[in-house]
Amino acid sequence: MFKKSTSTIEAGSFVKCDHANFLILAGLGKIEFENENIFVISPNAPLAKAMNGKIKENPFFSTGRKWLSKKYIDKQDFRKGMK
């Protein structure tokens, strides 16, 4: 399923932003993992579309606010962490 690694944010990425954490996968809502809230959002969500193609420290605008991705894990690295 996950075959390529990417240097940009896209579907399947985990993104840690200055205001919240996101997993771009499916619209499942908020989950808690290791005492942190993670919003699992659809790749079609406006916020995911605003993040798409961005790189770390590249600001983007959505929901009336400026966001900054501080860290992200692409599909390939996320899959490795699940093993």
Protein backbone atom coordinates (compact mmCIF):
# COMPACT_ATOMS: atom_id res chain seq x y z
CA MET A 1 0.00 0.00 0.00
CA PHE A 2 2.69 2.53 0.98
CA LYS A 3 5.38 2.32 -1.66
CA LYS A 4 7.08 5.67 -2.02
CA SER A 5 8.73 8.07 0.34
CA THR A 6 8.16 11.77 -0.17
CA SER A 7 9.66 15.00 1.05
CA THR A 8 6.30 16.78 1.05
CA ILE A 9 3.11 16.43 3.03
CA GLU A 10 0.46 14.28 1.32
CA ALA A 11 -2.18 11.67 2.11
CA GLY A 12 -0.76 9.22 4.64
CA SER A 13 1.48 11.78 6.37
CA PHE A 14 1.52 12.52 10.10
CA VAL A 15 1.95 16.27 10.60
CA LYS A 16 2.86 18.01 13.86
CA CYS A 17 1.90 21.67 13.58
CA ASP A 18 2.28 24.58 15.93
CA HIS A 19 -1.45 24.39 16.87
CA ALA A 20 -2.29 20.65 16.56
CA ASN A 21 -1.26 17.21 15.27
CA PHE A 22 -2.80 15.62 12.17
CA LEU A 23 -2.82 12.28 10.41
CA ILE A 24 -4.03 12.67 6.83
CA LEU A 25 -5.77 9.38 6.23
CA ALA A 26 -9.54 9.26 6.73
CA GLY A 27 -12.03 11.54 8.42
CA LEU A 28 -12.12 9.78 11.80
CA GLY A 29 -11.91 12.81 14.07
CA LYS A 30 -9.85 13.29 17.22
CA ILE A 31 -7.96 10.42 18.84
CA GLU A 32 -5.58 10.40 21.79
CA PHE A 33 -2.24 8.65 21.47
CA GLU A 34 0.49 8.77 24.12
CA ASN A 35 -1.25 11.69 25.87
CA GLU A 36 -1.42 13.78 22.69
CA ASN A 37 -4.46 14.64 20.61
CA ILE A 38 -4.24 13.72 16.94
CA PHE A 39 -6.85 14.79 14.43
CA VAL A 40 -7.30 12.11 11.77
CA ILE A 41 -8.52 14.00 8.72
CA SER A 42 -9.52 13.13 5.18
CA PRO A 43 -7.17 14.09 2.34
CA ASN A 44 -10.22 15.96 0.96
CA ALA A 45 -10.61 18.14 4.06
CA PRO A 46 -9.80 21.84 3.47
CA LEU A 47 -6.98 21.75 6.03
CA ALA A 48 -5.40 18.67 4.39
CA LYS A 49 -5.66 20.35 0.99
CA ALA A 50 -3.90 23.42 2.41
CA MET A 51 -1.07 21.20 3.75
CA ASN A 52 -0.72 19.11 0.61
CA GLY A 53 2.68 19.57 -1.06
CA LYS A 54 4.13 21.64 1.80
CA ILE A 55 7.45 20.89 3.47
CA LYS A 56 8.57 21.26 7.10
CA GLU A 57 8.56 24.87 8.32
CA ASN A 58 6.54 25.94 5.26
CA PRO A 59 3.53 27.98 6.47
CA PHE A 60 0.06 27.46 5.08
CA PHE A 61 -3.28 29.14 5.66
CA SER A 62 -6.59 27.48 6.47
CA THR A 63 -9.58 28.06 8.72
CA GLY A 64 -8.65 31.74 9.05
CA ARG A 65 -5.29 31.08 10.66
CA LYS A 66 -1.66 30.63 9.73
CA TRP A 67 -0.28 27.14 10.40
CA LEU A 68 3.32 25.98 10.49
CA SER A 69 4.31 22.34 10.16
CA LYS A 70 7.07 21.73 12.68
CA LYS A 71 7.57 18.05 11.92
CA TYR A 72 6.03 15.43 9.73
CA ILE A 73 6.39 11.75 9.06
CA ASP A 74 5.77 10.63 5.51
CA LYS A 75 3.96 7.45 4.52
CA GLN A 76 7.10 5.33 4.31
CA ASP A 77 8.43 6.30 7.74
CA PHE A 78 4.96 6.02 9.31
CA ARG A 79 4.66 2.47 7.98
CA LYS A 80 8.09 1.54 9.41
CA GLY A 81 7.00 2.84 12.80
CA MET A 82 3.92 0.62 12.75
CA LYS A 83 5.97 -2.60 12.50
